[in-house]
Amino acid sequence: MKLFNLGWKGSGEELVHSWLKESGIKCTGLVSNCAEDIFFSQSVNRPPLSSWADKEYFSLLESERPMTGYLLRSQLEFSFLDKHFPDALFVFLYVDEDQWYGNLVEDGYF
């Protein structure tokens, strides 16, 4: 079974990622090309995330390239993921706006 975190960067995904990893759950890295793979797979009509077939938890489904302004938010494509992983669970981590902004500032994004 797969578990997808649909939350935005700065919403506590790193804490959940480390907790699940310490619990023995096979997680993607906090930096991966999952977002690119999801969009590419959708464009060529193939199953997504085949390079991560052994992984159970997927987080940080965003990809950003600050030099080009390129941003992919593949967590918005959860219907595509659900089609290919019908037994998957989707969670949305949420923090209030002030805490989210504070997390991003703390992590050096602003």
Protein backbone atom coordinates (compact mmCIF):
# COMPACT_ATOMS: atom_id res chain seq x y z
CA MET A 1 0.00 0.00 0.00
CA LYS A 2 1.13 3.55 -0.73
CA LEU A 3 0.69 6.62 1.44
CA PHE A 4 0.82 10.05 -0.19
CA ASN A 5 1.24 13.29 1.73
CA LEU A 6 -0.58 15.98 -0.21
CA GLY A 7 0.45 18.81 2.12
CA TRP A 8 2.52 21.78 1.09
CA LYS A 9 6.16 22.30 1.92
CA GLY A 10 6.49 23.65 5.45
CA SER A 11 3.43 21.82 6.79
CA GLY A 12 5.32 19.33 8.95
CA GLU A 13 6.19 16.80 6.26
CA GLU A 14 9.79 16.46 7.42
CA LEU A 15 8.71 15.44 10.91
CA VAL A 16 6.22 12.87 9.59
CA HIS A 17 8.80 11.60 7.09
CA SER A 18 11.43 11.02 9.78
CA TRP A 19 8.92 9.42 12.16
CA LEU A 20 7.69 6.98 9.47
CA LYS A 21 11.23 6.21 8.34
CA GLU A 22 12.29 5.45 11.93
CA SER A 23 9.22 3.19 12.18
CA GLY A 24 10.49 1.10 9.26
CA ILE A 25 8.30 2.55 6.51
CA LYS A 26 10.09 2.80 3.17
CA CYS A 27 10.02 6.49 2.30
CA THR A 28 11.12 8.51 -0.67
CA GLY A 29 13.88 10.97 0.03
CA LEU A 30 12.89 14.45 1.05
CA VAL A 31 14.41 15.56 -2.23
CA SER A 32 13.38 13.39 -5.15
CA ASN A 33 12.06 13.71 -8.67
CA CYS A 34 8.63 12.31 -7.84
CA ALA A 35 6.81 15.44 -9.05
CA GLU A 36 8.54 15.35 -12.43
CA ASP A 37 7.86 11.62 -12.75
CA ILE A 38 4.15 12.06 -11.96
CA PHE A 39 3.70 14.79 -14.57
CA PHE A 40 5.78 12.96 -17.19
CA SER A 41 3.90 9.70 -16.59
CA GLN A 42 0.61 11.51 -16.95
CA SER A 43 1.71 13.07 -20.26
CA VAL A 44 2.77 9.73 -21.78
CA ASN A 45 -0.04 7.72 -20.17
CA ARG A 46 2.09 5.32 -18.14
CA PRO A 47 1.95 4.26 -14.49
CA PRO A 48 3.76 6.78 -12.26
CA LEU A 49 6.59 6.30 -9.79
CA SER A 50 7.93 3.02 -11.18
CA SER A 51 11.44 4.05 -10.04
CA TRP A 52 10.11 4.09 -6.48
CA ALA A 53 8.08 0.86 -6.63
CA ASP A 54 9.51 -0.33 -3.29
CA LYS A 55 8.58 2.89 -1.45
CA GLU A 56 5.49 3.17 0.72
CA TYR A 57 5.43 6.84 1.72
CA PHE A 58 5.70 9.78 -0.64
CA SER A 59 6.09 13.34 0.59
CA LEU A 60 7.22 16.66 -0.84
CA LEU A 61 5.42 16.09 -4.11
CA GLU A 62 6.49 19.57 -5.19
CA SER A 63 9.38 20.39 -7.42
CA GLU A 64 10.74 23.88 -7.74
CA ARG A 65 13.52 25.35 -9.79
CA PRO A 66 14.07 28.87 -8.40
CA MET A 67 16.34 29.97 -11.26
CA THR A 68 13.57 29.44 -13.82
CA GLY A 69 10.49 29.97 -11.67
CA TYR A 70 9.49 26.42 -12.56
CA LEU A 71 7.13 24.88 -9.99
CA LEU A 72 5.31 21.55 -10.16
CA ARG A 73 2.74 20.72 -7.52
CA SER A 74 1.99 17.10 -8.29
CA GLN A 75 -0.03 16.70 -5.12
CA LEU A 76 -2.81 18.42 -7.08
CA GLU A 77 -2.83 15.37 -9.38
CA PHE A 78 -4.10 13.00 -6.71
CA SER A 79 -6.88 11.68 -9.00
CA PHE A 80 -4.15 10.42 -11.37
CA LEU A 81 -2.32 8.79 -8.45
CA ASP A 82 -5.57 7.28 -7.16
CA LYS A 83 -6.24 5.76 -10.58
CA HIS A 84 -2.88 3.95 -10.51
CA PHE A 85 -2.83 3.22 -6.77
CA PRO A 86 -6.47 2.53 -5.86
CA ASP A 87 -5.55 1.16 -2.41
CA ALA A 88 -3.42 4.20 -1.51
CA LEU A 89 -4.12 6.52 1.37
CA PHE A 90 -3.92 10.27 0.86
CA VAL A 91 -3.25 12.59 3.78
CA PHE A 92 -3.13 16.35 3.84
CA LEU A 93 -0.92 17.86 6.52
CA TYR A 94 -2.12 21.29 7.49
CA VAL A 95 -0.75 24.04 9.68
CA ASP A 96 -2.19 27.51 10.09
CA GLU A 97 -0.91 30.24 7.80
CA ASP A 98 1.35 31.95 10.37
CA GLN A 99 3.00 28.67 11.38
CA TRP A 100 3.42 27.65 7.72
CA TYR A 101 5.12 30.96 6.89
CA GLY A 102 7.29 30.68 10.00
CA ASN A 103 8.37 27.18 8.98
CA LEU A 104 9.38 28.39 5.54
CA VAL A 105 11.33 31.33 7.00
CA GLU A 106 13.04 28.99 9.47
CA ASP A 107 14.00 26.66 6.61
CA GLY A 108 15.54 29.57 4.66
CA TYR A 109 12.98 29.98 1.89
CA PHE A 110 12.47 33.69 2.66
